[in-house]
Amino acid sequence: MWDTRAVELRVNLPGTVAAELEEVQRRDPELLSRIVYYAMTRRTIFDHLAAHSGLGIATEPLTSRTP
């Protein structure tokens, strides 16, 4: 399939959202990985389509973003 590696993400979330995500992670540890993978895939596809659509949609590539 694909070469994969683990990464650790740290984000600041409102307390209620953080508590919900902790519960989700406790129940299904792989779910958050699948959600992040899905979101990154959608963003990559969007960036590609926007860059090649000729509609002038300005997007900033994910690799150039800083926290």
PDB file of N, CA and C in Angstrom:
ATOM      1  N   MET A   1       0.832  -1.170   0.000  1.00  0.00           N
ATOM      2  CA  MET A   1       0.000   0.000   0.000  1.00  0.00           C
ATOM      3  C   MET A   1       0.888   1.249   0.000  1.00  0.00           C
ATOM      4  N   TRP A   2       0.915   2.038   1.083  1.00  0.00           N
ATOM      5  CA  TRP A   2       1.743   3.235   1.166  1.00  0.00           C
ATOM      6  C   TRP A   2       2.729   3.099   2.305  1.00  0.00           C
ATOM      7  N   ASP A   3       3.834   3.812   2.174  1.00  0.00           N
ATOM      8  CA  ASP A   3       4.730   3.932   3.313  1.00  0.00           C
ATOM      9  C   ASP A   3       4.088   4.903   4.286  1.00  0.00           C
ATOM     10  N   THR A   4       4.040   4.533   5.533  1.00  0.00           N
ATOM     11  CA  THR A   4       3.433   5.398   6.535  1.00  0.00           C
ATOM     12  C   THR A   4       4.398   5.597   7.694  1.00  0.00           C
ATOM     13  N   ARG A   5       4.164   6.641   8.444  1.00  0.00           N
ATOM     14  CA  ARG A   5       4.907   6.860   9.674  1.00  0.00           C
ATOM     15  C   ARG A   5       4.026   7.646  10.636  1.00  0.00           C
ATOM     16  N   ALA A   6       4.290   7.466  11.900  1.00  0.00           N
ATOM     17  CA  ALA A   6       3.493   8.135  12.925  1.00  0.00           C
ATOM     18  C   ALA A   6       3.987   9.566  13.107  1.00  0.00           C
ATOM     19  N   VAL A   7       3.053  10.461  13.329  1.00  0.00           N
ATOM     20  CA  VAL A   7       3.373  11.846  13.675  1.00  0.00           C
ATOM     21  C   VAL A   7       2.523  12.213  14.882  1.00  0.00           C
ATOM     22  N   GLU A   8       3.026  13.143  15.653  1.00  0.00           N
ATOM     23  CA  GLU A   8       2.263  13.621  16.800  1.00  0.00           C
ATOM     24  C   GLU A   8       1.825  15.041  16.511  1.00  0.00           C
ATOM     25  N   LEU A   9       0.518  15.264  16.577  1.00  0.00           N
ATOM     26  CA  LEU A   9      -0.046  16.584  16.357  1.00  0.00           C
ATOM     27  C   LEU A   9      -0.529  17.141  17.687  1.00  0.00           C
ATOM     28  N   ARG A  10      -0.271  18.406  17.895  1.00  0.00           N
ATOM     29  CA  ARG A  10      -0.762  19.065  19.104  1.00  0.00           C
ATOM     30  C   ARG A  10      -1.553  20.288  18.654  1.00  0.00           C
ATOM     31  N   VAL A  11      -2.821  20.325  19.023  1.00  0.00           N
ATOM     32  CA  VAL A  11      -3.682  21.444  18.651  1.00  0.00           C
ATOM     33  C   VAL A  11      -4.394  21.964  19.890  1.00  0.00           C
ATOM     34  N   ASN A  12      -4.708  23.239  19.884  1.00  0.00           N
ATOM     35  CA  ASN A  12      -5.478  23.848  20.963  1.00  0.00           C
ATOM     36  C   ASN A  12      -6.943  23.896  20.540  1.00  0.00           C
ATOM     37  N   LEU A  13      -7.777  23.252  21.319  1.00  0.00           N
ATOM     38  CA  LEU A  13      -9.206  23.182  21.021  1.00  0.00           C
ATOM     39  C   LEU A  13     -10.003  23.648  22.228  1.00  0.00           C
ATOM     40  N   PRO A  14     -11.227  24.097  21.993  1.00  0.00           N
ATOM     41  CA  PRO A  14     -12.101  24.392  23.134  1.00  0.00           C
ATOM     42  C   PRO A  14     -12.256  23.132  23.995  1.00  0.00           C
ATOM     43  N   GLY A  15     -12.425  23.307  25.274  1.00  0.00           N
ATOM     44  CA  GLY A  15     -12.476  22.185  26.206  1.00  0.00           C
ATOM     45  C   GLY A  15     -13.489  21.113  25.855  1.00  0.00           C
ATOM     46  N   THR A  16     -14.676  21.518  25.435  1.00  0.00           N
ATOM     47  CA  THR A  16     -15.704  20.522  25.114  1.00  0.00           C
ATOM     48  C   THR A  16     -15.323  19.701  23.887  1.00  0.00           C
ATOM     49  N   VAL A  17     -14.743  20.354  22.904  1.00  0.00           N
ATOM     50  CA  VAL A  17     -14.308  19.638  21.690  1.00  0.00           C
ATOM     51  C   VAL A  17     -13.165  18.689  22.039  1.00  0.00           C
ATOM     52  N   ALA A  18     -12.213  19.165  22.837  1.00  0.00           N
ATOM     53  CA  ALA A  18     -11.081  18.335  23.242  1.00  0.00           C
ATOM     54  C   ALA A  18     -11.566  17.101  24.004  1.00  0.00           C
ATOM     55  N   ALA A  19     -12.523  17.287  24.903  1.00  0.00           N
ATOM     56  CA  ALA A  19     -13.050  16.157  25.669  1.00  0.00           C
ATOM     57  C   ALA A  19     -13.726  15.139  24.751  1.00  0.00           C
ATOM     58  N   GLU A  20     -14.469  15.627  23.787  1.00  0.00           N
ATOM     59  CA  GLU A  20     -15.143  14.728  22.836  1.00  0.00           C
ATOM     60  C   GLU A  20     -14.122  13.946  22.021  1.00  0.00           C
ATOM     61  N   LEU A  21     -13.070  14.624  21.557  1.00  0.00           N
ATOM     62  CA  LEU A  21     -12.038  13.935  20.772  1.00  0.00           C
ATOM     63  C   LEU A  21     -11.282  12.913  21.613  1.00  0.00           C
ATOM     64  N   GLU A  22     -11.040  13.228  22.863  1.00  0.00           N
ATOM     65  CA  GLU A  22     -10.386  12.255  23.741  1.00  0.00           C
ATOM     66  C   GLU A  22     -11.251  11.011  23.901  1.00  0.00           C
ATOM     67  N   GLU A  23     -12.561  11.198  24.010  1.00  0.00           N
ATOM     68  CA  GLU A  23     -13.473  10.059  24.121  1.00  0.00           C
ATOM     69  C   GLU A  23     -13.483   9.241  22.832  1.00  0.00           C
ATOM     70  N   VAL A  24     -13.514   9.921  21.703  1.00  0.00           N
ATOM     71  CA  VAL A  24     -13.476   9.222  20.408  1.00  0.00           C
ATOM     72  C   VAL A  24     -12.182   8.423  20.289  1.00  0.00           C
ATOM     73  N   GLN A  25     -11.071   9.041  20.660  1.00  0.00           N
ATOM     74  CA  GLN A  25      -9.786   8.356  20.565  1.00  0.00           C
ATOM     75  C   GLN A  25      -9.731   7.147  21.507  1.00  0.00           C
ATOM     76  N   ARG A  26     -10.337   7.258  22.646  1.00  0.00           N
ATOM     77  CA  ARG A  26     -10.372   6.132  23.579  1.00  0.00           C
ATOM     78  C   ARG A  26     -11.187   4.968  23.005  1.00  0.00           C
ATOM     79  N   ARG A  27     -12.331   5.289  22.385  1.00  0.00           N
ATOM     80  CA  ARG A  27     -13.199   4.243  21.830  1.00  0.00           C
ATOM     81  C   ARG A  27     -12.645   3.633  20.562  1.00  0.00           C
ATOM     82  N   ASP A  28     -12.072   4.460  19.675  1.00  0.00           N
ATOM     83  CA  ASP A  28     -11.587   3.979  18.374  1.00  0.00           C
ATOM     84  C   ASP A  28     -10.302   4.721  18.023  1.00  0.00           C
ATOM     85  N   PRO A  29      -9.156   4.214  18.470  1.00  0.00           N
ATOM     86  CA  PRO A  29      -7.886   4.910  18.276  1.00  0.00           C
ATOM     87  C   PRO A  29      -7.552   5.226  16.812  1.00  0.00           C
ATOM     88  N   GLU A  30      -8.029   4.450  15.884  1.00  0.00           N
ATOM     89  CA  GLU A  30      -7.719   4.674  14.469  1.00  0.00           C
ATOM     90  C   GLU A  30      -8.623   5.716  13.803  1.00  0.00           C
ATOM     91  N   LEU A  31      -9.738   6.047  14.414  1.00  0.00           N
ATOM     92  CA  LEU A  31     -10.695   6.955  13.783  1.00  0.00           C
ATOM     93  C   LEU A  31     -10.091   8.325  13.513  1.00  0.00           C
ATOM     94  N   LEU A  32      -9.398   8.901  14.476  1.00  0.00           N
ATOM     95  CA  LEU A  32      -8.810  10.232  14.260  1.00  0.00           C
ATOM     96  C   LEU A  32      -7.773  10.198  13.145  1.00  0.00           C
ATOM     97  N   SER A  33      -7.022   9.122  13.051  1.00  0.00           N
ATOM     98  CA  SER A  33      -6.063   8.994  11.950  1.00  0.00           C
ATOM     99  C   SER A  33      -6.783   8.991  10.605  1.00  0.00           C
ATOM    100  N   ARG A  34      -7.885   8.255  10.536  1.00  0.00           N
ATOM    101  CA  ARG A  34      -8.643   8.211   9.282  1.00  0.00           C
ATOM    102  C   ARG A  34      -9.258   9.570   8.954  1.00  0.00           C
ATOM    103  N   ILE A  35      -9.724  10.287   9.966  1.00  0.00           N
ATOM    104  CA  ILE A  35     -10.311  11.614   9.745  1.00  0.00           C
ATOM    105  C   ILE A  35      -9.261  12.576   9.212  1.00  0.00           C
ATOM    106  N   VAL A  36      -8.089  12.600   9.837  1.00  0.00           N
ATOM    107  CA  VAL A  36      -7.019  13.491   9.381  1.00  0.00           C
ATOM    108  C   VAL A  36      -6.580  13.107   7.975  1.00  0.00           C
ATOM    109  N   TYR A  37      -6.442  11.823   7.716  1.00  0.00           N
ATOM    110  CA  TYR A  37      -6.054  11.357   6.381  1.00  0.00           C
ATOM    111  C   TYR A  37      -7.080  11.797   5.336  1.00  0.00           C
ATOM    112  N   TYR A  38      -8.345  11.651   5.637  1.00  0.00           N
ATOM    113  CA  TYR A  38      -9.418  12.055   4.736  1.00  0.00           C
ATOM    114  C   TYR A  38      -9.361  13.558   4.473  1.00  0.00           C
ATOM    115  N   ALA A  39      -9.213  14.345   5.537  1.00  0.00           N
ATOM    116  CA  ALA A  39      -9.176  15.802   5.381  1.00  0.00           C
ATOM    117  C   ALA A  39      -7.969  16.246   4.552  1.00  0.00           C
ATOM    118  N   MET A  40      -6.820  15.669   4.797  1.00  0.00           N
ATOM    119  CA  MET A  40      -5.625  16.030   4.038  1.00  0.00           C
ATOM    120  C   MET A  40      -5.768  15.632   2.567  1.00  0.00           C
ATOM    121  N   THR A  41      -6.393  14.496   2.315  1.00  0.00           N
ATOM    122  CA  THR A  41      -6.619  14.063   0.933  1.00  0.00           C
ATOM    123  C   THR A  41      -7.552  15.028   0.223  1.00  0.00           C
ATOM    124  N   ARG A  42      -8.643  15.412   0.878  1.00  0.00           N
ATOM    125  CA  ARG A  42      -9.572  16.373   0.273  1.00  0.00           C
ATOM    126  C   ARG A  42      -8.884  17.691  -0.012  1.00  0.00           C
ATOM    127  N   ARG A  43      -8.065  18.171   0.935  1.00  0.00           N
ATOM    128  CA  ARG A  43      -7.376  19.449   0.748  1.00  0.00           C
ATOM    129  C   ARG A  43      -6.393  19.371  -0.413  1.00  0.00           C
ATOM    130  N   THR A  44      -5.682  18.272  -0.520  1.00  0.00           N
ATOM    131  CA  THR A  44      -4.727  18.096  -1.613  1.00  0.00           C
ATOM    132  C   THR A  44      -5.445  18.089  -2.961  1.00  0.00           C
ATOM    133  N   ILE A  45      -6.563  17.390  -3.036  1.00  0.00           N
ATOM    134  CA  ILE A  45      -7.347  17.357  -4.277  1.00  0.00           C
ATOM    135  C   ILE A  45      -7.869  18.756  -4.598  1.00  0.00           C
ATOM    136  N   PHE A  46      -8.395  19.461  -3.595  1.00  0.00           N
ATOM    137  CA  PHE A  46      -8.896  20.813  -3.811  1.00  0.00           C
ATOM    138  C   PHE A  46      -7.787  21.723  -4.332  1.00  0.00           C
ATOM    139  N   ASP A  47      -6.615  21.685  -3.687  1.00  0.00           N
ATOM    140  CA  ASP A  47      -5.491  22.516  -4.131  1.00  0.00           C
ATOM    141  C   ASP A  47      -5.117  22.215  -5.577  1.00  0.00           C
ATOM    142  N   HIS A  48      -5.078  20.936  -5.924  1.00  0.00           N
ATOM    143  CA  HIS A  48      -4.727  20.547  -7.285  1.00  0.00           C
ATOM    144  C   HIS A  48      -5.765  21.065  -8.283  1.00  0.00           C
ATOM    145  N   LEU A  49      -7.046  20.842  -7.990  1.00  0.00           N
ATOM    146  CA  LEU A  49      -8.093  21.291  -8.901  1.00  0.00           C
ATOM    147  C   LEU A  49      -8.127  22.812  -9.013  1.00  0.00           C
ATOM    148  N   ALA A  50      -7.952  23.501  -7.900  1.00  0.00           N
ATOM    149  CA  ALA A  50      -7.956  24.964  -7.926  1.00  0.00           C
ATOM    150  C   ALA A  50      -6.798  25.498  -8.753  1.00  0.00           C
ATOM    151  N   ALA A  51      -5.650  24.877  -8.640  1.00  0.00           N
ATOM    152  CA  ALA A  51      -4.471  25.330  -9.376  1.00  0.00           C
ATOM    153  C   ALA A  51      -4.606  25.087 -10.877  1.00  0.00           C
ATOM    154  N   HIS A  52      -5.379  24.071 -11.258  1.00  0.00           N
ATOM    155  CA  HIS A  52      -5.491  23.715 -12.672  1.00  0.00           C
ATOM    156  C   HIS A  52      -6.839  24.074 -13.291  1.00  0.00           C
ATOM    157  N   SER A  53      -7.689  24.786 -12.554  1.00  0.00           N
ATOM    158  CA  SER A  53      -9.027  25.059 -13.062  1.00  0.00           C
ATOM    159  C   SER A  53      -9.090  26.296 -13.952  1.00  0.00           C
ATOM    160  N   GLY A  54      -8.135  27.200 -13.769  1.00  0.00           N
ATOM    161  CA  GLY A  54      -8.175  28.434 -14.533  1.00  0.00           C
ATOM    162  C   GLY A  54      -9.181  29.429 -13.987  1.00  0.00           C
ATOM    163  N   LEU A  55      -9.746  29.160 -12.829  1.00  0.00           N
ATOM    164  CA  LEU A  55     -10.739  30.065 -12.247  1.00  0.00           C
ATOM    165  C   LEU A  55     -10.107  31.133 -11.369  1.00  0.00           C
ATOM    166  N   GLY A  56      -8.820  31.044 -11.162  1.00  0.00           N
ATOM    167  CA  GLY A  56      -8.139  32.051 -10.367  1.00  0.00           C
ATOM    168  C   GLY A  56      -8.369  31.920  -8.876  1.00  0.00           C
ATOM    169  N   ILE A  57      -8.709  30.724  -8.423  1.00  0.00           N
ATOM    170  CA  ILE A  57      -8.896  30.499  -6.992  1.00  0.00           C
ATOM    171  C   ILE A  57      -7.519  30.451  -6.352  1.00  0.00           C
ATOM    172  N   ALA A  58      -7.276  31.378  -5.444  1.00  0.00           N
ATOM    173  CA  ALA A  58      -5.968  31.422  -4.785  1.00  0.00           C
ATOM    174  C   ALA A  58      -5.978  30.508  -3.569  1.00  0.00           C
ATOM    175  N   THR A  59      -5.061  29.570  -3.555  1.00  0.00           N
ATOM    176  CA  THR A  59      -4.894  28.710  -2.387  1.00  0.00           C
ATOM    177  C   THR A  59      -3.438  28.714  -1.990  1.00  0.00           C
ATOM    178  N   GLU A  60      -3.207  28.547  -0.727  1.00  0.00           N
ATOM    179  CA  GLU A  60      -1.850  28.468  -0.210  1.00  0.00           C
ATOM    180  C   GLU A  60      -1.541  26.996   0.033  1.00  0.00           C
ATOM    181  N   PRO A  61      -0.509  26.449  -0.582  1.00  0.00           N
ATOM    182  CA  PRO A  61      -0.206  25.031  -0.377  1.00  0.00           C
ATOM    183  C   PRO A  61       0.004  24.725   1.101  1.00  0.00           C
ATOM    184  N   LEU A  62      -0.408  23.535   1.511  1.00  0.00           N
ATOM    185  CA  LEU A  62      -0.273  23.136   2.902  1.00  0.00           C
ATOM    186  C   LEU A  62       1.176  23.175   3.375  1.00  0.00           C
ATOM    187  N   THR A  63       2.098  22.895   2.483  1.00  0.00           N
ATOM    188  CA  THR A  63       3.500  22.848   2.878  1.00  0.00           C
ATOM    189  C   THR A  63       4.087  24.204   3.217  1.00  0.00           C
ATOM    190  N   SER A  64       3.441  25.292   2.793  1.00  0.00           N
ATOM    191  CA  SER A  64       3.999  26.609   3.047  1.00  0.00           C
ATOM    192  C   SER A  64       3.355  27.293   4.263  1.00  0.00           C
ATOM    193  N   ARG A  65       2.434  26.632   4.911  1.00  0.00           N
ATOM    194  CA  ARG A  65       1.750  27.237   6.059  1.00  0.00           C
ATOM    195  C   ARG A  65       2.607  27.132   7.313  1.00  0.00           C
ATOM    196  N   THR A  66       2.521  28.157   8.119  1.00  0.00           N
ATOM    197  CA  THR A  66       3.205  28.141   9.399  1.00  0.00           C
ATOM    198  C   THR A  66       2.184  28.334  10.498  1.00  0.00           C
ATOM    199  N   PRO A  67       2.413  27.733  11.658  1.00  0.00           N
ATOM    200  CA  PRO A  67       1.431  27.846  12.756  1.00  0.00           C
ATOM    201  C   PRO A  67       1.308  29.261  13.271  1.00  0.00           C
TER     202      PRO A  67
END
